[in-house]
Amino acid sequence: MIRICTEKDIRAIYDIINDAAAAYKGIIPADRFHEPYMTMEELQSEIGSGVVFWGYEDGGRLIGVMGIQDKGDVFLIRHAYVRTDQRKGGIGSRLLAYLTNLTEKPFLIGTWADASWAIAFYLKNGFSLVPEAEKERLLRTYWTIPDRQIETSVVLGDRRREAV
């Protein structure tokens, strides 16, 4: 079942993000990876800045999360993760389809350029990579991230992206 996450889910969201983000270790630039990947304070800050988490629950257990952030003319997909032991079961695809059908606004996703599995996931689900020049403009417009992260990231957009 897909549902909006509540305050009582914070610990599960934190655990899912940090379990799944372990896949980044040794893949993304070492200066961008730390453990935990996202601290509880960072998670609470993300929620405070407007990231709304949705979760996939099975048997009363949250096993996947995906955040969305309304940036006015676009929505961002933020922090999309599935528990390591639940991957490859379609949970991420179901969450993504559900969230992108909530609105007619375009969706953008930023991810690490070296996270080939994440890029392949979004491509499989109908997103496309934006050109390098547009990537930088979008990252600077819609995200608050350091220059180093801009250098090492890509942006993907859904079919509605041309409106941005």
C-alpha atoms as a PDB file:
ATOM      1  CA  MET A   1       0.000   0.000   0.000  1.00  0.00           C
ATOM      2  CA  ILE A   2       1.274   3.472  -0.875  1.00  0.00           C
ATOM      3  CA  ARG A   3       0.608   6.160   1.704  1.00  0.00           C
ATOM      4  CA  ILE A   4       1.863   9.507   2.858  1.00  0.00           C
ATOM      5  CA  CYS A   5       4.393   9.214   5.674  1.00  0.00           C
ATOM      6  CA  THR A   6       3.810  10.792   9.061  1.00  0.00           C
ATOM      7  CA  GLU A   7       5.963  11.902  11.979  1.00  0.00           C
ATOM      8  CA  LYS A   8       5.825   8.364  13.387  1.00  0.00           C
ATOM      9  CA  ASP A   9       7.604   7.109  10.242  1.00  0.00           C
ATOM     10  CA  ILE A  10      10.705   9.309  10.644  1.00  0.00           C
ATOM     11  CA  ARG A  11      12.870   6.529  12.078  1.00  0.00           C
ATOM     12  CA  ALA A  12      11.836   4.070   9.350  1.00  0.00           C
ATOM     13  CA  ILE A  13      12.490   6.694   6.635  1.00  0.00           C
ATOM     14  CA  TYR A  14      15.931   7.342   8.141  1.00  0.00           C
ATOM     15  CA  ASP A  15      16.707   3.611   8.276  1.00  0.00           C
ATOM     16  CA  ILE A  16      15.561   2.984   4.686  1.00  0.00           C
ATOM     17  CA  ILE A  17      17.572   5.909   3.294  1.00  0.00           C
ATOM     18  CA  ASN A  18      20.765   4.886   5.055  1.00  0.00           C
ATOM     19  CA  ASP A  19      20.359   1.178   4.302  1.00  0.00           C
ATOM     20  CA  ALA A  20      19.809   1.779   0.596  1.00  0.00           C
ATOM     21  CA  ALA A  21      22.358   4.601   0.267  1.00  0.00           C
ATOM     22  CA  ALA A  22      25.138   2.209   1.283  1.00  0.00           C
ATOM     23  CA  ALA A  23      25.155   1.298  -2.434  1.00  0.00           C
ATOM     24  CA  TYR A  24      26.779   4.688  -3.101  1.00  0.00           C
ATOM     25  CA  LYS A  25      29.901   3.828  -1.092  1.00  0.00           C
ATOM     26  CA  GLY A  26      32.853   3.556  -3.451  1.00  0.00           C
ATOM     27  CA  ILE A  27      30.714   4.700  -6.390  1.00  0.00           C
ATOM     28  CA  ILE A  28      30.055   8.381  -5.844  1.00  0.00           C
ATOM     29  CA  PRO A  29      32.964  10.725  -5.121  1.00  0.00           C
ATOM     30  CA  ALA A  30      34.461   9.931  -1.717  1.00  0.00           C
ATOM     31  CA  ASP A  31      34.175  13.571  -0.665  1.00  0.00           C
ATOM     32  CA  ARG A  32      30.370  13.378  -1.114  1.00  0.00           C
ATOM     33  CA  PHE A  33      29.789  10.118   0.802  1.00  0.00           C
ATOM     34  CA  HIS A  34      29.603   9.962   4.572  1.00  0.00           C
ATOM     35  CA  GLU A  35      28.065   7.635   7.128  1.00  0.00           C
ATOM     36  CA  PRO A  36      25.318   7.896   7.901  1.00  0.00           C
ATOM     37  CA  TYR A  37      24.532   9.097   4.398  1.00  0.00           C
ATOM     38  CA  MET A  38      21.745  11.255   5.826  1.00  0.00           C
ATOM     39  CA  THR A  39      21.693  12.222   9.487  1.00  0.00           C
ATOM     40  CA  MET A  40      18.428  12.532  11.389  1.00  0.00           C
ATOM     41  CA  GLU A  41      18.989  16.297  11.488  1.00  0.00           C
ATOM     42  CA  GLU A  42      19.417  16.412   7.691  1.00  0.00           C
ATOM     43  CA  LEU A  43      16.253  14.361   7.245  1.00  0.00           C
ATOM     44  CA  GLN A  44      14.282  16.687   9.490  1.00  0.00           C
ATOM     45  CA  SER A  45      15.720  19.672   7.613  1.00  0.00           C
ATOM     46  CA  GLU A  46      14.610  18.175   4.286  1.00  0.00           C
ATOM     47  CA  ILE A  47      11.091  17.692   5.632  1.00  0.00           C
ATOM     48  CA  GLY A  48      11.159  21.233   7.012  1.00  0.00           C
ATOM     49  CA  SER A  49      12.089  22.535   3.562  1.00  0.00           C
ATOM     50  CA  GLY A  50       9.013  20.960   2.010  1.00  0.00           C
ATOM     51  CA  VAL A  51       9.992  17.395   1.106  1.00  0.00           C
ATOM     52  CA  VAL A  52       6.912  15.227   1.635  1.00  0.00           C
ATOM     53  CA  PHE A  53       7.674  11.531   1.969  1.00  0.00           C
ATOM     54  CA  TRP A  54       5.444   8.809   0.651  1.00  0.00           C
ATOM     55  CA  GLY A  55       5.996   5.193   1.545  1.00  0.00           C
ATOM     56  CA  TYR A  56       5.297   1.717   0.313  1.00  0.00           C
ATOM     57  CA  GLU A  57       4.084  -0.398   3.195  1.00  0.00           C
ATOM     58  CA  ASP A  58       3.755  -4.160   3.229  1.00  0.00           C
ATOM     59  CA  GLY A  59       2.524  -6.097   6.228  1.00  0.00           C
ATOM     60  CA  GLY A  60       2.695  -2.997   8.408  1.00  0.00           C
ATOM     61  CA  ARG A  61       6.360  -2.425   7.511  1.00  0.00           C
ATOM     62  CA  LEU A  62       7.591   0.550   5.496  1.00  0.00           C
ATOM     63  CA  ILE A  63       9.915  -0.879   2.829  1.00  0.00           C
ATOM     64  CA  GLY A  64      10.331   1.965   0.357  1.00  0.00           C
ATOM     65  CA  VAL A  65      10.174   5.749   0.472  1.00  0.00           C
ATOM     66  CA  MET A  66      10.129   8.540  -2.059  1.00  0.00           C
ATOM     67  CA  GLY A  67       9.947  12.233  -1.342  1.00  0.00           C
ATOM     68  CA  ILE A  68       8.406  14.924  -3.494  1.00  0.00           C
ATOM     69  CA  GLN A  69       9.029  18.627  -3.215  1.00  0.00           C
ATOM     70  CA  ASP A  70       6.790  21.239  -4.833  1.00  0.00           C
ATOM     71  CA  LYS A  71       8.977  23.982  -6.308  1.00  0.00           C
ATOM     72  CA  GLY A  72       6.177  25.983  -7.920  1.00  0.00           C
ATOM     73  CA  ASP A  73       6.386  25.152 -11.598  1.00  0.00           C
ATOM     74  CA  VAL A  74       7.887  21.682 -11.061  1.00  0.00           C
ATOM     75  CA  PHE A  75       7.946  18.854  -8.560  1.00  0.00           C
ATOM     76  CA  LEU A  76      11.230  17.254  -7.552  1.00  0.00           C
ATOM     77  CA  ILE A  77      11.575  13.585  -6.694  1.00  0.00           C
ATOM     78  CA  ARG A  78      13.776  13.539  -3.608  1.00  0.00           C
ATOM     79  CA  HIS A  79      15.353  10.681  -1.666  1.00  0.00           C
ATOM     80  CA  ALA A  80      13.921   7.642  -3.452  1.00  0.00           C
ATOM     81  CA  TYR A  81      15.030   4.479  -1.682  1.00  0.00           C
ATOM     82  CA  VAL A  82      13.910   0.878  -1.169  1.00  0.00           C
ATOM     83  CA  ARG A  83      15.250  -1.412   1.552  1.00  0.00           C
ATOM     84  CA  THR A  84      18.154  -3.459   0.229  1.00  0.00           C
ATOM     85  CA  ASP A  85      16.370  -6.769   0.872  1.00  0.00           C
ATOM     86  CA  GLN A  86      13.295  -5.600  -1.073  1.00  0.00           C
ATOM     87  CA  ARG A  87      14.918  -4.284  -4.264  1.00  0.00           C
ATOM     88  CA  LYS A  88      14.002  -5.476  -7.754  1.00  0.00           C
ATOM     89  CA  GLY A  89      10.376  -6.090  -6.756  1.00  0.00           C
ATOM     90  CA  GLY A  90       8.824  -3.102  -8.495  1.00  0.00           C
ATOM     91  CA  ILE A  91       8.349  -1.031  -5.348  1.00  0.00           C
ATOM     92  CA  GLY A  92      10.298   1.970  -6.628  1.00  0.00           C
ATOM     93  CA  SER A  93       8.452   1.904  -9.950  1.00  0.00           C
ATOM     94  CA  ARG A  94       5.079   1.782  -8.187  1.00  0.00           C
ATOM     95  CA  LEU A  95       5.994   4.705  -5.934  1.00  0.00           C
ATOM     96  CA  LEU A  96       7.289   6.732  -8.877  1.00  0.00           C
ATOM     97  CA  ALA A  97       4.174   6.067 -10.989  1.00  0.00           C
ATOM     98  CA  TYR A  98       1.882   6.939  -8.096  1.00  0.00           C
ATOM     99  CA  LEU A  99       3.636  10.206  -7.279  1.00  0.00           C
ATOM    100  CA  THR A 100       4.012  11.406 -10.857  1.00  0.00           C
ATOM    101  CA  ASN A 101       0.277  10.886 -11.354  1.00  0.00           C
ATOM    102  CA  LEU A 102      -0.617  13.211  -8.465  1.00  0.00           C
ATOM    103  CA  THR A 103      -0.206  16.333 -10.602  1.00  0.00           C
ATOM    104  CA  GLU A 104       0.184  17.557 -14.150  1.00  0.00           C
ATOM    105  CA  LYS A 105       3.333  19.518 -13.263  1.00  0.00           C
ATOM    106  CA  PRO A 106       6.670  18.348 -14.682  1.00  0.00           C
ATOM    107  CA  PHE A 107       8.892  16.165 -12.475  1.00  0.00           C
ATOM    108  CA  LEU A 108      12.665  16.453 -12.200  1.00  0.00           C
ATOM    109  CA  ILE A 109      15.087  14.089 -10.518  1.00  0.00           C
ATOM    110  CA  GLY A 110      18.679  14.789  -9.571  1.00  0.00           C
ATOM    111  CA  THR A 111      21.000  11.889  -8.885  1.00  0.00           C
ATOM    112  CA  TRP A 112      24.681  11.047  -8.870  1.00  0.00           C
ATOM    113  CA  ALA A 113      26.227  10.751 -12.346  1.00  0.00           C
ATOM    114  CA  ASP A 114      28.033   7.557 -11.283  1.00  0.00           C
ATOM    115  CA  ALA A 115      24.889   5.886  -9.876  1.00  0.00           C
ATOM    116  CA  SER A 116      24.241   3.996 -13.108  1.00  0.00           C
ATOM    117  CA  TRP A 117      21.551   1.784 -11.527  1.00  0.00           C
ATOM    118  CA  ALA A 118      19.552   4.855 -10.439  1.00  0.00           C
ATOM    119  CA  ILE A 119      19.823   6.461 -13.872  1.00  0.00           C
ATOM    120  CA  ALA A 120      18.774   3.181 -15.531  1.00  0.00           C
ATOM    121  CA  PHE A 121      15.776   2.961 -13.179  1.00  0.00           C
ATOM    122  CA  TYR A 122      14.517   6.410 -14.135  1.00  0.00           C
ATOM    123  CA  LEU A 123      15.162   5.845 -17.846  1.00  0.00           C
ATOM    124  CA  LYS A 124      13.186   2.583 -17.631  1.00  0.00           C
ATOM    125  CA  ASN A 125      10.342   4.539 -16.037  1.00  0.00           C
ATOM    126  CA  GLY A 126      10.022   7.104 -18.820  1.00  0.00           C
ATOM    127  CA  PHE A 127      12.416   9.831 -17.704  1.00  0.00           C
ATOM    128  CA  SER A 128      15.199  11.193 -19.885  1.00  0.00           C
ATOM    129  CA  LEU A 129      18.540  12.812 -19.152  1.00  0.00           C
ATOM    130  CA  VAL A 130      18.645  16.552 -19.674  1.00  0.00           C
ATOM    131  CA  PRO A 131      21.564  18.091 -21.596  1.00  0.00           C
ATOM    132  CA  GLU A 132      24.606  19.156 -19.548  1.00  0.00           C
ATOM    133  CA  ALA A 133      24.010  22.913 -19.970  1.00  0.00           C
ATOM    134  CA  GLU A 134      20.390  22.580 -18.903  1.00  0.00           C
ATOM    135  CA  LYS A 135      21.386  20.308 -16.019  1.00  0.00           C
ATOM    136  CA  GLU A 136      23.411  23.037 -14.347  1.00  0.00           C
ATOM    137  CA  ARG A 137      20.642  25.614 -14.751  1.00  0.00           C
ATOM    138  CA  LEU A 138      18.050  23.253 -13.292  1.00  0.00           C
ATOM    139  CA  LEU A 139      20.244  22.207 -10.357  1.00  0.00           C
ATOM    140  CA  ARG A 140      20.972  25.834  -9.493  1.00  0.00           C
ATOM    141  CA  THR A 141      17.313  26.829  -9.868  1.00  0.00           C
ATOM    142  CA  TYR A 142      15.532  24.036  -7.999  1.00  0.00           C
ATOM    143  CA  TRP A 143      18.074  22.481  -5.624  1.00  0.00           C
ATOM    144  CA  THR A 144      20.230  23.904  -2.857  1.00  0.00           C
ATOM    145  CA  ILE A 145      23.404  21.871  -3.219  1.00  0.00           C
ATOM    146  CA  PRO A 146      27.131  22.638  -3.273  1.00  0.00           C
ATOM    147  CA  ASP A 147      28.998  23.214  -6.545  1.00  0.00           C
ATOM    148  CA  ARG A 148      30.812  19.894  -6.120  1.00  0.00           C
ATOM    149  CA  GLN A 149      27.506  18.056  -6.109  1.00  0.00           C
ATOM    150  CA  ILE A 150      26.384  19.937  -9.217  1.00  0.00           C
ATOM    151  CA  GLU A 151      29.585  18.772 -10.943  1.00  0.00           C
ATOM    152  CA  THR A 152      28.932  15.130 -10.044  1.00  0.00           C
ATOM    153  CA  SER A 153      25.175  14.950 -10.672  1.00  0.00           C
ATOM    154  CA  VAL A 154      22.744  14.485 -13.529  1.00  0.00           C
ATOM    155  CA  VAL A 155      19.143  15.600 -13.902  1.00  0.00           C
ATOM    156  CA  LEU A 156      16.369  13.592 -15.473  1.00  0.00           C
ATOM    157  CA  GLY A 157      12.940  14.864 -16.429  1.00  0.00           C
ATOM    158  CA  ASP A 158       9.636  13.276 -17.258  1.00  0.00           C
ATOM    159  CA  ARG A 159       7.711  13.794 -20.490  1.00  0.00           C
ATOM    160  CA  ARG A 160       6.326  17.115 -19.193  1.00  0.00           C
ATOM    161  CA  ARG A 161       9.790  18.663 -18.700  1.00  0.00           C
ATOM    162  CA  GLU A 162       9.675  20.884 -21.777  1.00  0.00           C
ATOM    163  CA  ALA A 163       7.354  23.181 -19.812  1.00  0.00           C
ATOM    164  CA  VAL A 164      10.223  24.127 -17.449  1.00  0.00           C
END
